[in-house]
Amino acid sequence: MCIAIPGKVKSIVNENTATIDMGGICRDVNMDLMGGANESQIGRHFLVHVGYAIAEISEEESEETMHLLRQIAGLEEIDTPESESI
């Protein structure tokens, strides 16, 4: 099974690489599959898999995906209809 982690571009390292914040962990990510790295990508959200940005996503999709990953990891409580009504 493969997994891609959502993240937000914080800075551009060079024409091929951007620093992306993925849930508080910043990593340099290869942006070649997105046409390279450029200043217009700062603040935009991408899915990252094995060090490569593989797709651009919306901020909402990024936040929801990170929320679900935190739930799976046991770092956040799972939303259930019972817990929402309490």
C-alpha atoms as a PDB file:
ATOM      1  CA  MET A   1       0.000   0.000   0.000  1.00  0.00           C
ATOM      2  CA  CYS A   2       1.269   3.457  -0.852  1.00  0.00           C
ATOM      3  CA  ILE A   3       0.476   6.679   0.947  1.00  0.00           C
ATOM      4  CA  ALA A   4       0.921  10.310   0.019  1.00  0.00           C
ATOM      5  CA  ILE A   5       1.123  12.994   2.685  1.00  0.00           C
ATOM      6  CA  PRO A   6      -0.394  16.456   2.163  1.00  0.00           C
ATOM      7  CA  GLY A   7       1.771  19.486   2.720  1.00  0.00           C
ATOM      8  CA  LYS A   8       2.139  23.204   2.118  1.00  0.00           C
ATOM      9  CA  VAL A   9       5.036  24.804   0.243  1.00  0.00           C
ATOM     10  CA  LYS A  10       7.001  27.061   2.590  1.00  0.00           C
ATOM     11  CA  SER A  11       9.935  28.042   0.373  1.00  0.00           C
ATOM     12  CA  ILE A  12      11.725  27.321  -2.870  1.00  0.00           C
ATOM     13  CA  VAL A  13      15.186  25.749  -2.576  1.00  0.00           C
ATOM     14  CA  ASN A  14      16.042  25.684  -6.273  1.00  0.00           C
ATOM     15  CA  GLU A  15      14.354  25.164  -9.647  1.00  0.00           C
ATOM     16  CA  ASN A  16      13.572  21.504  -8.812  1.00  0.00           C
ATOM     17  CA  THR A  17      13.049  21.551  -5.046  1.00  0.00           C
ATOM     18  CA  ALA A  18      10.694  23.153  -2.537  1.00  0.00           C
ATOM     19  CA  THR A  19      10.522  22.926   1.233  1.00  0.00           C
ATOM     20  CA  ILE A  20       7.127  21.526   2.183  1.00  0.00           C
ATOM     21  CA  ASP A  21       5.578  21.490   5.665  1.00  0.00           C
ATOM     22  CA  MET A  22       3.764  18.197   6.261  1.00  0.00           C
ATOM     23  CA  GLY A  23       2.044  18.401   9.620  1.00  0.00           C
ATOM     24  CA  GLY A  24       4.857  20.358  11.238  1.00  0.00           C
ATOM     25  CA  ILE A  25       7.677  18.368   9.644  1.00  0.00           C
ATOM     26  CA  CYS A  26       9.460  20.238   6.864  1.00  0.00           C
ATOM     27  CA  ARG A  27      11.240  18.361   4.099  1.00  0.00           C
ATOM     28  CA  ASP A  28      12.835  19.290   0.801  1.00  0.00           C
ATOM     29  CA  VAL A  29      10.664  17.762  -1.923  1.00  0.00           C
ATOM     30  CA  ASN A  30      11.384  17.216  -5.608  1.00  0.00           C
ATOM     31  CA  MET A  31       8.880  19.237  -7.671  1.00  0.00           C
ATOM     32  CA  ASP A  32       9.845  17.913 -11.137  1.00  0.00           C
ATOM     33  CA  LEU A  33       6.487  16.121 -11.609  1.00  0.00           C
ATOM     34  CA  MET A  34       4.787  19.483 -11.048  1.00  0.00           C
ATOM     35  CA  GLY A  35       6.875  21.191 -13.735  1.00  0.00           C
ATOM     36  CA  GLY A  36       9.619  22.278 -11.333  1.00  0.00           C
ATOM     37  CA  ALA A  37       9.620  24.586  -8.322  1.00  0.00           C
ATOM     38  CA  ASN A  38       8.834  28.283  -8.525  1.00  0.00           C
ATOM     39  CA  GLU A  39       7.817  31.146  -6.252  1.00  0.00           C
ATOM     40  CA  SER A  40       4.143  30.959  -7.316  1.00  0.00           C
ATOM     41  CA  GLN A  41       3.871  27.624  -5.477  1.00  0.00           C
ATOM     42  CA  ILE A  42       4.578  29.117  -2.046  1.00  0.00           C
ATOM     43  CA  GLY A  43       1.479  28.628   0.098  1.00  0.00           C
ATOM     44  CA  ARG A  44      -0.033  26.010  -2.216  1.00  0.00           C
ATOM     45  CA  HIS A  45      -0.756  22.427  -1.159  1.00  0.00           C
ATOM     46  CA  PHE A  46       0.612  19.217  -2.674  1.00  0.00           C
ATOM     47  CA  LEU A  47       0.538  15.490  -2.037  1.00  0.00           C
ATOM     48  CA  VAL A  48       4.043  14.131  -1.364  1.00  0.00           C
ATOM     49  CA  HIS A  49       5.073  10.521  -1.952  1.00  0.00           C
ATOM     50  CA  VAL A  50       8.647   9.226  -1.448  1.00  0.00           C
ATOM     51  CA  GLY A  51      10.113  12.713  -1.714  1.00  0.00           C
ATOM     52  CA  TYR A  52       8.190  13.811  -4.818  1.00  0.00           C
ATOM     53  CA  ALA A  53       5.210  16.142  -5.110  1.00  0.00           C
ATOM     54  CA  ILE A  54       2.747  14.065  -7.132  1.00  0.00           C
ATOM     55  CA  ALA A  55      -0.392  16.258  -7.236  1.00  0.00           C
ATOM     56  CA  GLU A  56      -1.618  19.695  -6.287  1.00  0.00           C
ATOM     57  CA  ILE A  57      -4.638  19.679  -3.963  1.00  0.00           C
ATOM     58  CA  SER A  58      -6.859  22.283  -2.328  1.00  0.00           C
ATOM     59  CA  GLU A  59      -6.206  23.571   1.170  1.00  0.00           C
ATOM     60  CA  GLU A  60      -9.448  21.935   2.320  1.00  0.00           C
ATOM     61  CA  GLU A  61      -8.451  18.541   0.915  1.00  0.00           C
ATOM     62  CA  SER A  62      -5.011  18.894   2.510  1.00  0.00           C
ATOM     63  CA  GLU A  63      -6.477  19.657   5.949  1.00  0.00           C
ATOM     64  CA  GLU A  64      -9.066  16.859   5.760  1.00  0.00           C
ATOM     65  CA  THR A  65      -6.477  14.299   4.643  1.00  0.00           C
ATOM     66  CA  MET A  66      -4.088  15.293   7.444  1.00  0.00           C
ATOM     67  CA  HIS A  67      -6.972  15.089   9.954  1.00  0.00           C
ATOM     68  CA  LEU A  68      -7.794  11.546   8.781  1.00  0.00           C
ATOM     69  CA  LEU A  69      -4.132  10.476   8.922  1.00  0.00           C
ATOM     70  CA  ARG A  70      -3.897  11.780  12.499  1.00  0.00           C
ATOM     71  CA  GLN A  71      -7.011   9.785  13.411  1.00  0.00           C
ATOM     72  CA  ILE A  72      -5.543   6.616  11.889  1.00  0.00           C
ATOM     73  CA  ALA A  73      -2.328   7.185  13.852  1.00  0.00           C
ATOM     74  CA  GLY A  74      -4.320   7.653  17.061  1.00  0.00           C
ATOM     75  CA  LEU A  75      -3.215  11.268  17.461  1.00  0.00           C
ATOM     76  CA  GLU A  76      -6.765  12.648  17.216  1.00  0.00           C
ATOM     77  CA  GLU A  77     -10.094  11.348  18.402  1.00  0.00           C
ATOM     78  CA  ILE A  78     -12.201   9.685  15.722  1.00  0.00           C
ATOM     79  CA  ASP A  79     -15.343  11.642  14.876  1.00  0.00           C
ATOM     80  CA  THR A  80     -18.450   9.537  15.489  1.00  0.00           C
ATOM     81  CA  PRO A  81     -22.127  10.494  15.492  1.00  0.00           C
ATOM     82  CA  GLU A  82     -22.251   9.709  19.241  1.00  0.00           C
ATOM     83  CA  SER A  83     -19.311  11.974  20.110  1.00  0.00           C
ATOM     84  CA  GLU A  84     -20.734  14.831  18.038  1.00  0.00           C
ATOM     85  CA  SER A  85     -24.081  14.781  19.866  1.00  0.00           C
ATOM     86  CA  ILE A  86     -22.564  14.811  23.373  1.00  0.00           C
END
